[in-house]
Amino acid sequence: MRQVLKAISLDIPVNNMVMKIKLLFALVLILLGVVAQAKVVSVKFDRATFYAVIKTGDKEEIDNEISIVSASSIAEKEAYEGFLLMRKAGLVTLPAQKLKLFKAGRIRFETALANDNDNAEYHFLRLIIEEKAPKIVKYNQDLEADKQLIIKAYKNLPAVVQQAIIDYSKTSKVLHVQDF
C-alpha cells in the first residue's frame, strides 16, 4: 500500500507539469495567431500606394501589391490584379512568362472592365497598358476611346486617381496635361 501511495504522489507533480506545458503551448499558439492576424489587418489596400507602385515599375513592389490586392475585399480587386499582372509582364525576362502573365492579367482586367464599362479609372489603367504594350500583343485598339472617356469623367474621379492621371499625362503620348 505504501508503494502505491508513493507512486501516486510522484505521479501528481508530473501531471501538473504536463498540464502547465500544454497550457503554455496553447498560449504560445494563441499569441502567434494574434500576431499573424494583426499583420493581415495592418496590410490594407491603399489606392495612392497602388499608383506609386505602378509608377516605380519595381517587380518586387508589384508582387507585394498583388498580394495586398489579392488579400483585400475591394470592389476593384479583379481589375487591379489583372492590371498588375499585365504590368509585371513587362518586367520579367522570359518571353513565355511575359506572355503567360500578360494573358492572365488581360483576361482578369477585361472581365472587370466588361462588368463595369463606365468605370473611367479602368479605362485609365487600360490606356497605360495599351500605350506601353508591345505591338505584337495587339492591345492598343481602344486608345482614343479610353482617352475621351477619361477626359469626360476626370472631374468625377477620386483625387488620388486624378493626380495619377495628371502625373501620367506628363509623359504620355496620348494624354496631355492640357486635356484636363
N, C-alpha and C. Protein backbone atom coordinates (compact mmCIF):
# COMPACT_ATOMS: atom_id res chain seq x y z
N MET A 1 0.82 -1.18 0.00
CA MET A 1 0.00 0.00 0.00
C MET A 1 0.87 1.26 0.00
N ARG A 2 1.93 1.19 0.78
CA ARG A 2 2.82 2.32 0.85
C ARG A 2 3.43 2.64 -0.50
N GLN A 3 3.76 1.62 -1.27
CA GLN A 3 4.36 1.83 -2.59
C GLN A 3 3.35 2.45 -3.56
N VAL A 4 2.11 2.07 -3.44
CA VAL A 4 1.07 2.64 -4.29
C VAL A 4 0.91 4.12 -3.99
N LEU A 5 0.86 4.49 -2.70
CA LEU A 5 0.74 5.89 -2.31
C LEU A 5 1.95 6.69 -2.78
N LYS A 6 3.13 6.11 -2.65
CA LYS A 6 4.35 6.77 -3.08
C LYS A 6 4.31 7.00 -4.60
N ALA A 7 3.86 6.03 -5.37
CA ALA A 7 3.77 6.14 -6.83
C ALA A 7 2.75 7.20 -7.23
N ILE A 8 1.64 7.25 -6.49
CA ILE A 8 0.60 8.24 -6.79
C ILE A 8 1.11 9.65 -6.49
N SER A 9 1.79 9.83 -5.38
CA SER A 9 2.29 11.15 -5.01
C SER A 9 3.36 11.63 -5.99
N LEU A 10 4.13 10.75 -6.56
CA LEU A 10 5.12 11.13 -7.56
C LEU A 10 4.45 11.44 -8.90
N ASP A 11 3.34 10.81 -9.14
CA ASP A 11 2.65 10.99 -10.41
C ASP A 11 1.94 12.34 -10.50
N ILE A 12 1.50 12.86 -9.40
CA ILE A 12 0.75 14.11 -9.40
C ILE A 12 1.61 15.28 -9.89
N PRO A 13 2.79 15.50 -9.41
CA PRO A 13 3.59 16.62 -9.92
C PRO A 13 3.91 16.49 -11.42
N VAL A 14 4.12 15.30 -11.87
CA VAL A 14 4.39 15.10 -13.29
C VAL A 14 3.16 15.51 -14.11
N ASN A 15 1.98 15.13 -13.67
CA ASN A 15 0.75 15.51 -14.36
C ASN A 15 0.58 17.03 -14.35
N ASN A 16 0.89 17.67 -13.23
CA ASN A 16 0.80 19.13 -13.17
C ASN A 16 1.77 19.78 -14.16
N MET A 17 2.95 19.22 -14.24
CA MET A 17 3.96 19.75 -15.16
C MET A 17 3.49 19.59 -16.61
N VAL A 18 2.91 18.46 -16.93
CA VAL A 18 2.39 18.24 -18.28
C VAL A 18 1.27 19.22 -18.58
N MET A 19 0.42 19.44 -17.62
CA MET A 19 -0.68 20.41 -17.79
C MET A 19 -0.13 21.81 -18.02
N LYS A 20 0.89 22.19 -17.27
CA LYS A 20 1.49 23.50 -17.41
C LYS A 20 2.12 23.66 -18.80
N ILE A 21 2.78 22.63 -19.27
CA ILE A 21 3.41 22.67 -20.60
C ILE A 21 2.34 22.78 -21.68
N LYS A 22 1.26 22.02 -21.54
CA LYS A 22 0.17 22.10 -22.51
C LYS A 22 -0.46 23.49 -22.52
N LEU A 23 -0.66 24.06 -21.35
CA LEU A 23 -1.22 25.39 -21.23
C LEU A 23 -0.30 26.44 -21.86
N LEU A 24 0.98 26.33 -21.56
CA LEU A 24 1.96 27.25 -22.14
C LEU A 24 1.99 27.13 -23.66
N PHE A 25 1.96 25.93 -24.17
CA PHE A 25 1.95 25.70 -25.61
C PHE A 25 0.70 26.31 -26.26
N ALA A 26 -0.45 26.13 -25.61
CA ALA A 26 -1.70 26.70 -26.13
C ALA A 26 -1.62 28.23 -26.14
N LEU A 27 -1.07 28.82 -25.10
CA LEU A 27 -0.93 30.27 -25.04
C LEU A 27 0.01 30.79 -26.13
N VAL A 28 1.08 30.08 -26.38
CA VAL A 28 2.01 30.47 -27.45
C VAL A 28 1.31 30.42 -28.81
N LEU A 29 0.54 29.38 -29.05
CA LEU A 29 -0.20 29.28 -30.31
C LEU A 29 -1.21 30.41 -30.46
N ILE A 30 -1.90 30.74 -29.39
CA ILE A 30 -2.87 31.84 -29.44
C ILE A 30 -2.15 33.15 -29.72
N LEU A 31 -1.04 33.37 -29.07
CA LEU A 31 -0.26 34.59 -29.28
C LEU A 31 0.23 34.70 -30.72
N LEU A 32 0.71 33.61 -31.27
CA LEU A 32 1.15 33.61 -32.67
C LEU A 32 -0.01 33.91 -33.62
N GLY A 33 -1.17 33.37 -33.31
CA GLY A 33 -2.35 33.66 -34.12
C GLY A 33 -2.74 35.12 -34.07
N VAL A 34 -2.66 35.73 -32.90
CA VAL A 34 -2.99 37.15 -32.75
C VAL A 34 -1.99 38.00 -33.53
N VAL A 35 -0.71 37.68 -33.45
CA VAL A 35 0.32 38.43 -34.18
C VAL A 35 0.10 38.29 -35.69
N ALA A 36 -0.17 37.09 -36.14
CA ALA A 36 -0.41 36.88 -37.58
C ALA A 36 -1.64 37.65 -38.04
N GLN A 37 -2.68 37.65 -37.24
CA GLN A 37 -3.91 38.38 -37.59
C GLN A 37 -3.64 39.87 -37.63
N ALA A 38 -2.83 40.37 -36.72
CA ALA A 38 -2.50 41.80 -36.69
C ALA A 38 -1.76 42.20 -37.95
N LYS A 39 -0.88 41.35 -38.45
CA LYS A 39 -0.15 41.65 -39.69
C LYS A 39 -1.11 41.71 -40.87
N VAL A 40 -2.06 40.80 -40.92
CA VAL A 40 -3.04 40.78 -42.01
C VAL A 40 -3.88 42.05 -41.98
N VAL A 41 -4.31 42.45 -40.79
CA VAL A 41 -5.14 43.64 -40.65
C VAL A 41 -4.36 44.89 -41.03
N SER A 42 -3.06 44.93 -40.66
CA SER A 42 -2.28 46.13 -40.89
C SER A 42 -1.94 46.34 -42.37
N VAL A 43 -2.02 45.32 -43.18
CA VAL A 43 -1.73 45.45 -44.61
C VAL A 43 -3.05 45.66 -45.34
N LYS A 44 -3.38 46.94 -45.54
CA LYS A 44 -4.63 47.29 -46.21
C LYS A 44 -4.32 47.87 -47.57
N PHE A 45 -5.25 47.71 -48.48
CA PHE A 45 -5.09 48.29 -49.81
C PHE A 45 -5.20 49.80 -49.70
N ASP A 46 -4.28 50.48 -50.38
CA ASP A 46 -4.28 51.93 -50.43
C ASP A 46 -4.09 52.34 -51.89
N ARG A 47 -5.04 53.08 -52.42
CA ARG A 47 -5.03 53.46 -53.83
C ARG A 47 -3.80 54.31 -54.18
N ALA A 48 -3.41 55.20 -53.28
CA ALA A 48 -2.23 56.04 -53.53
C ALA A 48 -0.97 55.18 -53.65
N THR A 49 -0.86 54.18 -52.79
CA THR A 49 0.28 53.26 -52.85
C THR A 49 0.23 52.45 -54.15
N PHE A 50 -0.95 52.04 -54.54
CA PHE A 50 -1.13 51.30 -55.80
C PHE A 50 -0.55 52.10 -56.97
N TYR A 51 -0.90 53.38 -57.06
CA TYR A 51 -0.40 54.20 -58.16
C TYR A 51 1.09 54.50 -58.03
N ALA A 52 1.59 54.60 -56.81
CA ALA A 52 3.03 54.80 -56.61
C ALA A 52 3.81 53.57 -57.08
N VAL A 53 3.28 52.39 -56.80
CA VAL A 53 3.93 51.15 -57.22
C VAL A 53 3.94 51.05 -58.75
N ILE A 54 2.83 51.43 -59.37
CA ILE A 54 2.76 51.41 -60.83
C ILE A 54 3.85 52.31 -61.41
N LYS A 55 4.00 53.46 -60.81
CA LYS A 55 4.96 54.44 -61.30
C LYS A 55 6.40 53.94 -61.18
N THR A 56 6.72 53.27 -60.07
CA THR A 56 8.09 52.80 -59.87
C THR A 56 8.44 51.68 -60.84
N GLY A 57 7.51 50.81 -61.10
CA GLY A 57 7.78 49.70 -62.00
C GLY A 57 8.74 48.68 -61.43
N ASP A 58 8.83 48.59 -60.11
CA ASP A 58 9.70 47.62 -59.45
C ASP A 58 8.96 46.29 -59.31
N LYS A 59 9.57 45.22 -59.79
CA LYS A 59 8.92 43.91 -59.81
C LYS A 59 8.55 43.42 -58.40
N GLU A 60 9.44 43.60 -57.44
CA GLU A 60 9.15 43.15 -56.07
C GLU A 60 7.99 43.94 -55.47
N GLU A 61 7.96 45.23 -55.72
CA GLU A 61 6.86 46.05 -55.21
C GLU A 61 5.54 45.66 -55.87
N ILE A 62 5.60 45.34 -57.15
CA ILE A 62 4.39 44.90 -57.85
C ILE A 62 3.91 43.57 -57.28
N ASP A 63 4.84 42.66 -57.03
CA ASP A 63 4.47 41.38 -56.41
C ASP A 63 3.82 41.61 -55.05
N ASN A 64 4.39 42.51 -54.26
CA ASN A 64 3.84 42.83 -52.95
C ASN A 64 2.44 43.44 -53.09
N GLU A 65 2.27 44.32 -54.06
CA GLU A 65 0.96 44.95 -54.27
C GLU A 65 -0.07 43.92 -54.75
N ILE A 66 0.36 42.97 -55.56
CA ILE A 66 -0.54 41.89 -55.99
C ILE A 66 -1.03 41.11 -54.77
N SER A 67 -0.13 40.84 -53.83
CA SER A 67 -0.50 40.13 -52.60
C SER A 67 -1.51 40.93 -51.79
N ILE A 68 -1.28 42.23 -51.69
CA ILE A 68 -2.18 43.09 -50.93
C ILE A 68 -3.56 43.13 -51.58
N VAL A 69 -3.58 43.31 -52.89
CA VAL A 69 -4.86 43.37 -53.60
C VAL A 69 -5.59 42.03 -53.49
N SER A 70 -4.86 40.94 -53.63
CA SER A 70 -5.47 39.60 -53.54
C SER A 70 -6.10 39.36 -52.17
N ALA A 71 -5.47 39.88 -51.13
CA ALA A 71 -5.98 39.67 -49.77
C ALA A 71 -7.10 40.63 -49.41
N SER A 72 -7.31 41.64 -50.23
CA SER A 72 -8.33 42.64 -49.91
C SER A 72 -9.71 42.19 -50.39
N SER A 73 -10.70 42.96 -49.98
CA SER A 73 -12.07 42.67 -50.40
C SER A 73 -12.66 43.86 -51.16
N ILE A 74 -11.82 44.63 -51.81
CA ILE A 74 -12.28 45.82 -52.54
C ILE A 74 -13.03 45.43 -53.80
N ALA A 75 -13.89 46.29 -54.26
CA ALA A 75 -14.70 46.00 -55.45
C ALA A 75 -13.84 45.94 -56.70
N GLU A 76 -12.75 46.69 -56.72
CA GLU A 76 -11.88 46.78 -57.90
C GLU A 76 -10.83 45.68 -57.95
N LYS A 77 -10.92 44.71 -57.08
CA LYS A 77 -9.89 43.67 -56.92
C LYS A 77 -9.51 43.01 -58.25
N GLU A 78 -10.49 42.57 -59.01
CA GLU A 78 -10.23 41.85 -60.27
C GLU A 78 -9.48 42.73 -61.27
N ALA A 79 -9.91 43.98 -61.39
CA ALA A 79 -9.26 44.90 -62.33
C ALA A 79 -7.84 45.22 -61.90
N TYR A 80 -7.64 45.50 -60.62
CA TYR A 80 -6.31 45.85 -60.13
C TYR A 80 -5.34 44.67 -60.27
N GLU A 81 -5.82 43.47 -59.93
CA GLU A 81 -4.95 42.29 -60.08
C GLU A 81 -4.59 42.08 -61.54
N GLY A 82 -5.57 42.17 -62.41
CA GLY A 82 -5.31 42.00 -63.83
C GLY A 82 -4.32 43.02 -64.35
N PHE A 83 -4.52 44.28 -63.96
CA PHE A 83 -3.61 45.34 -64.39
C PHE A 83 -2.19 45.06 -63.89
N LEU A 84 -2.06 44.70 -62.61
CA LEU A 84 -0.72 44.45 -62.05
C LEU A 84 -0.03 43.27 -62.72
N LEU A 85 -0.79 42.26 -63.08
CA LEU A 85 -0.19 41.12 -63.80
C LEU A 85 0.32 41.55 -65.17
N MET A 86 -0.47 42.37 -65.87
CA MET A 86 -0.02 42.86 -67.18
C MET A 86 1.20 43.77 -67.02
N ARG A 87 1.20 44.58 -65.98
CA ARG A 87 2.35 45.47 -65.73
C ARG A 87 3.59 44.65 -65.40
N LYS A 88 3.41 43.59 -64.62
CA LYS A 88 4.52 42.71 -64.26
C LYS A 88 5.08 41.99 -65.48
N ALA A 89 4.22 41.70 -66.44
CA ALA A 89 4.66 41.00 -67.65
C ALA A 89 5.77 41.77 -68.36
N GLY A 90 5.73 43.07 -68.29
CA GLY A 90 6.76 43.89 -68.92
C GLY A 90 8.07 43.89 -68.17
N LEU A 91 8.10 43.31 -66.98
CA LEU A 91 9.30 43.35 -66.14
C LEU A 91 10.03 42.01 -66.04
N VAL A 92 9.39 40.94 -66.49
CA VAL A 92 10.05 39.63 -66.44
C VAL A 92 10.89 39.43 -67.70
N THR A 93 11.83 38.51 -67.66
CA THR A 93 12.76 38.36 -68.77
C THR A 93 12.38 37.28 -69.78
N LEU A 94 11.81 36.20 -69.31
CA LEU A 94 11.49 35.10 -70.23
C LEU A 94 10.25 35.42 -71.06
N PRO A 95 10.35 35.31 -72.39
CA PRO A 95 9.21 35.63 -73.25
C PRO A 95 7.96 34.80 -72.95
N ALA A 96 8.14 33.53 -72.65
CA ALA A 96 6.98 32.68 -72.34
C ALA A 96 6.28 33.15 -71.07
N GLN A 97 7.07 33.56 -70.09
CA GLN A 97 6.49 34.06 -68.83
C GLN A 97 5.81 35.41 -69.06
N LYS A 98 6.40 36.25 -69.89
CA LYS A 98 5.78 37.54 -70.23
C LYS A 98 4.39 37.32 -70.82
N LEU A 99 4.33 36.43 -71.79
CA LEU A 99 3.07 36.17 -72.47
C LEU A 99 2.03 35.57 -71.52
N LYS A 100 2.48 34.64 -70.69
CA LYS A 100 1.57 33.99 -69.73
C LYS A 100 0.99 35.02 -68.75
N LEU A 101 1.84 35.87 -68.20
CA LEU A 101 1.38 36.89 -67.26
C LEU A 101 0.45 37.89 -67.95
N PHE A 102 0.82 38.31 -69.15
CA PHE A 102 0.01 39.29 -69.86
C PHE A 102 -1.38 38.73 -70.16
N LYS A 103 -1.43 37.50 -70.65
CA LYS A 103 -2.73 36.88 -70.96
C LYS A 103 -3.60 36.74 -69.71
N ALA A 104 -3.00 36.25 -68.62
CA ALA A 104 -3.76 36.08 -67.37
C ALA A 104 -4.28 37.42 -66.88
N GLY A 105 -3.44 38.42 -66.92
CA GLY A 105 -3.85 39.75 -66.49
C GLY A 105 -4.91 40.35 -67.39
N ARG A 106 -4.74 40.15 -68.68
CA ARG A 106 -5.70 40.69 -69.65
C ARG A 106 -7.09 40.10 -69.43
N ILE A 107 -7.15 38.81 -69.22
CA ILE A 107 -8.44 38.15 -69.00
C ILE A 107 -9.12 38.73 -67.76
N ARG A 108 -8.37 38.84 -66.67
CA ARG A 108 -8.95 39.37 -65.43
C ARG A 108 -9.38 40.82 -65.61
N PHE A 109 -8.50 41.61 -66.20
CA PHE A 109 -8.79 43.03 -66.34
C PHE A 109 -9.97 43.27 -67.28
N GLU A 110 -9.97 42.63 -68.42
CA GLU A 110 -11.04 42.84 -69.39
C GLU A 110 -12.39 42.33 -68.86
N THR A 111 -12.36 41.29 -68.03
CA THR A 111 -13.59 40.81 -67.40
C THR A 111 -14.15 41.88 -66.46
N ALA A 112 -13.28 42.47 -65.66
CA ALA A 112 -13.71 43.54 -64.74
C ALA A 112 -14.22 44.74 -65.52
N LEU A 113 -13.54 45.08 -66.60
CA LEU A 113 -13.95 46.22 -67.42
C LEU A 113 -15.29 45.95 -68.09
N ALA A 114 -15.51 44.75 -68.55
CA ALA A 114 -16.80 44.40 -69.17
C ALA A 114 -17.95 44.50 -68.15
N ASN A 115 -17.65 44.16 -66.90
CA ASN A 115 -18.67 44.23 -65.85
C ASN A 115 -18.95 45.66 -65.38
N ASP A 116 -18.00 46.56 -65.62
CA ASP A 116 -18.16 47.96 -65.20
C ASP A 116 -17.54 48.86 -66.27
N ASN A 117 -18.15 48.86 -67.45
CA ASN A 117 -17.58 49.55 -68.61
C ASN A 117 -17.57 51.07 -68.47
N ASP A 118 -18.34 51.62 -67.56
CA ASP A 118 -18.36 53.06 -67.37
C ASP A 118 -17.31 53.54 -66.37
N ASN A 119 -16.53 52.65 -65.82
CA ASN A 119 -15.53 53.00 -64.82
C ASN A 119 -14.33 53.65 -65.51
N ALA A 120 -14.21 54.96 -65.37
CA ALA A 120 -13.15 55.72 -66.04
C ALA A 120 -11.77 55.34 -65.53
N GLU A 121 -11.67 54.95 -64.27
CA GLU A 121 -10.37 54.53 -63.74
C GLU A 121 -9.87 53.28 -64.47
N TYR A 122 -10.76 52.35 -64.75
CA TYR A 122 -10.38 51.16 -65.50
C TYR A 122 -9.88 51.54 -66.90
N HIS A 123 -10.55 52.49 -67.51
CA HIS A 123 -10.13 52.93 -68.84
C HIS A 123 -8.76 53.61 -68.78
N PHE A 124 -8.50 54.33 -67.69
CA PHE A 124 -7.18 54.93 -67.50
C PHE A 124 -6.12 53.84 -67.36
N LEU A 125 -6.40 52.83 -66.56
CA LEU A 125 -5.45 51.73 -66.39
C LEU A 125 -5.21 51.02 -67.72
N ARG A 126 -6.28 50.81 -68.47
CA ARG A 126 -6.12 50.15 -69.77
C ARG A 126 -5.29 51.02 -70.71
N LEU A 127 -5.50 52.32 -70.67
CA LEU A 127 -4.73 53.22 -71.53
C LEU A 127 -3.24 53.12 -71.21
N ILE A 128 -2.90 53.02 -69.93
CA ILE A 128 -1.50 52.87 -69.54
C ILE A 128 -0.89 51.63 -70.20
N ILE A 129 -1.60 50.52 -70.08
CA ILE A 129 -1.10 49.27 -70.66
C ILE A 129 -1.07 49.36 -72.18
N GLU A 130 -2.14 49.89 -72.78
CA GLU A 130 -2.21 50.00 -74.24
C GLU A 130 -1.04 50.81 -74.79
N GLU A 131 -0.72 51.88 -74.10
CA GLU A 131 0.34 52.76 -74.58
C GLU A 131 1.73 52.12 -74.47
N LYS A 132 1.90 51.26 -73.50
CA LYS A 132 3.22 50.66 -73.27
C LYS A 132 3.37 49.23 -73.79
N ALA A 133 2.27 48.59 -74.13
CA ALA A 133 2.32 47.19 -74.57
C ALA A 133 2.98 47.10 -75.94
N PRO A 134 3.76 46.05 -76.16
CA PRO A 134 4.36 45.87 -77.48
C PRO A 134 3.28 45.62 -78.54
N LYS A 135 3.53 46.05 -79.74
CA LYS A 135 2.56 45.93 -80.83
C LYS A 135 2.14 44.48 -81.07
N ILE A 136 3.05 43.55 -80.82
CA ILE A 136 2.78 42.14 -81.12
C ILE A 136 1.59 41.59 -80.32
N VAL A 137 1.30 42.14 -79.13
CA VAL A 137 0.17 41.63 -78.35
C VAL A 137 -1.15 42.23 -78.79
N LYS A 138 -1.10 43.20 -79.67
CA LYS A 138 -2.30 43.82 -80.25
C LYS A 138 -3.28 44.30 -79.17
N TYR A 139 -2.72 45.05 -78.25
CA TYR A 139 -3.54 45.59 -77.16
C TYR A 139 -3.46 47.11 -77.19
N ASN A 140 -3.95 47.69 -78.27
CA ASN A 140 -3.91 49.15 -78.38
C ASN A 140 -5.06 49.70 -79.23
N GLN A 141 -6.11 48.94 -79.39
CA GLN A 141 -7.22 49.34 -80.25
C GLN A 141 -8.11 50.40 -79.62
N ASP A 142 -8.07 50.57 -78.31
CA ASP A 142 -9.02 51.45 -77.64
C ASP A 142 -8.39 52.73 -77.09
N LEU A 143 -7.22 53.09 -77.56
CA LEU A 143 -6.52 54.25 -77.02
C LEU A 143 -7.35 55.53 -77.09
N GLU A 144 -7.89 55.84 -78.24
CA GLU A 144 -8.63 57.10 -78.41
C GLU A 144 -9.94 57.08 -77.61
N ALA A 145 -10.65 55.96 -77.64
CA ALA A 145 -11.91 55.86 -76.88
C ALA A 145 -11.65 55.99 -75.38
N ASP A 146 -10.58 55.34 -74.91
CA ASP A 146 -10.24 55.44 -73.49
C ASP A 146 -9.87 56.87 -73.12
N LYS A 147 -9.10 57.51 -73.97
CA LYS A 147 -8.71 58.90 -73.73
C LYS A 147 -9.94 59.79 -73.57
N GLN A 148 -10.88 59.67 -74.49
CA GLN A 148 -12.08 60.51 -74.45
C GLN A 148 -12.91 60.25 -73.19
N LEU A 149 -13.05 58.99 -72.81
CA LEU A 149 -13.81 58.66 -71.61
C LEU A 149 -13.13 59.21 -70.36
N ILE A 150 -11.80 59.14 -70.30
CA ILE A 150 -11.05 59.65 -69.15
C ILE A 150 -11.23 61.17 -69.04
N ILE A 151 -11.11 61.87 -70.16
CA ILE A 151 -11.26 63.32 -70.16
C ILE A 151 -12.66 63.71 -69.70
N LYS A 152 -13.65 63.01 -70.20
CA LYS A 152 -15.05 63.30 -69.87
C LYS A 152 -15.35 63.08 -68.38
N ALA A 153 -14.80 62.01 -67.80
CA ALA A 153 -15.13 61.64 -66.42
C ALA A 153 -14.12 62.13 -65.40
N TYR A 154 -13.10 62.82 -65.83
CA TYR A 154 -12.00 63.22 -64.96
C TYR A 154 -12.47 63.90 -63.67
N LYS A 155 -13.35 64.86 -63.77
CA LYS A 155 -13.78 65.64 -62.60
C LYS A 155 -14.53 64.80 -61.56
N ASN A 156 -15.07 63.67 -61.96
CA ASN A 156 -15.83 62.82 -61.04
C ASN A 156 -14.99 61.72 -60.39
N LEU A 157 -13.72 61.65 -60.74
CA LEU A 157 -12.84 60.62 -60.19
C LEU A 157 -12.30 61.04 -58.83
N PRO A 158 -11.92 60.06 -58.00
CA PRO A 158 -11.30 60.41 -56.71
C PRO A 158 -10.01 61.22 -56.93
N ALA A 159 -9.66 62.04 -55.96
CA ALA A 159 -8.49 62.91 -56.07
C ALA A 159 -7.21 62.13 -56.34
N VAL A 160 -7.07 60.97 -55.74
CA VAL A 160 -5.87 60.15 -55.96
C VAL A 160 -5.76 59.74 -57.42
N VAL A 161 -6.87 59.35 -58.02
CA VAL A 161 -6.87 58.94 -59.42
C VAL A 161 -6.62 60.16 -60.32
N GLN A 162 -7.22 61.28 -59.98
CA GLN A 162 -6.98 62.50 -60.76
C GLN A 162 -5.49 62.85 -60.76
N GLN A 163 -4.87 62.75 -59.60
CA GLN A 163 -3.44 63.06 -59.52
C GLN A 163 -2.62 62.07 -60.33
N ALA A 164 -3.00 60.80 -60.29
CA ALA A 164 -2.29 59.79 -61.08
C ALA A 164 -2.43 60.08 -62.57
N ILE A 165 -3.60 60.52 -62.99
CA ILE A 165 -3.81 60.85 -64.40
C ILE A 165 -2.94 62.04 -64.80
N ILE A 166 -2.91 63.08 -63.97
CA ILE A 166 -2.08 64.24 -64.27
C ILE A 166 -0.61 63.85 -64.34
N ASP A 167 -0.16 63.07 -63.37
CA ASP A 167 1.24 62.62 -63.36
C ASP A 167 1.57 61.82 -64.61
N TYR A 168 0.67 60.92 -64.97
CA TYR A 168 0.90 60.09 -66.15
C TYR A 168 0.88 60.91 -67.43
N SER A 169 -0.02 61.88 -67.50
CA SER A 169 -0.17 62.66 -68.73
C SER A 169 1.07 63.51 -69.03
N LYS A 170 1.93 63.73 -68.06
CA LYS A 170 3.16 64.49 -68.28
C LYS A 170 4.15 63.75 -69.18
N THR A 171 4.04 62.43 -69.23
CA THR A 171 4.95 61.64 -70.07
C THR A 171 4.22 60.86 -71.15
N SER A 172 2.92 60.92 -71.18
CA SER A 172 2.12 60.16 -72.13
C SER A 172 2.15 60.78 -73.52
N LYS A 173 2.05 59.93 -74.52
CA LYS A 173 1.93 60.40 -75.90
C LYS A 173 0.46 60.58 -76.29
N VAL A 174 -0.44 60.06 -75.46
CA VAL A 174 -1.87 60.10 -75.77
C VAL A 174 -2.59 61.13 -74.91
N LEU A 175 -2.39 61.07 -73.61
CA LEU A 175 -3.00 62.04 -72.69
C LEU A 175 -2.05 63.22 -72.48
N HIS A 176 -2.62 64.41 -72.38
CA HIS A 176 -1.80 65.60 -72.16
C HIS A 176 -2.40 66.41 -71.02
N VAL A 177 -1.56 67.08 -70.26
CA VAL A 177 -2.00 67.84 -69.11
C VAL A 177 -3.08 68.85 -69.51
N GLN A 178 -2.92 69.48 -70.65
CA GLN A 178 -3.90 70.49 -71.09
C GLN A 178 -5.27 69.88 -71.41
N ASP A 179 -5.37 68.57 -71.52
CA ASP A 179 -6.67 67.91 -71.72
C ASP A 179 -7.57 68.06 -70.51
N PHE A 180 -6.97 68.39 -69.36
CA PHE A 180 -7.72 68.43 -68.12
C PHE A 180 -7.76 69.84 -67.61
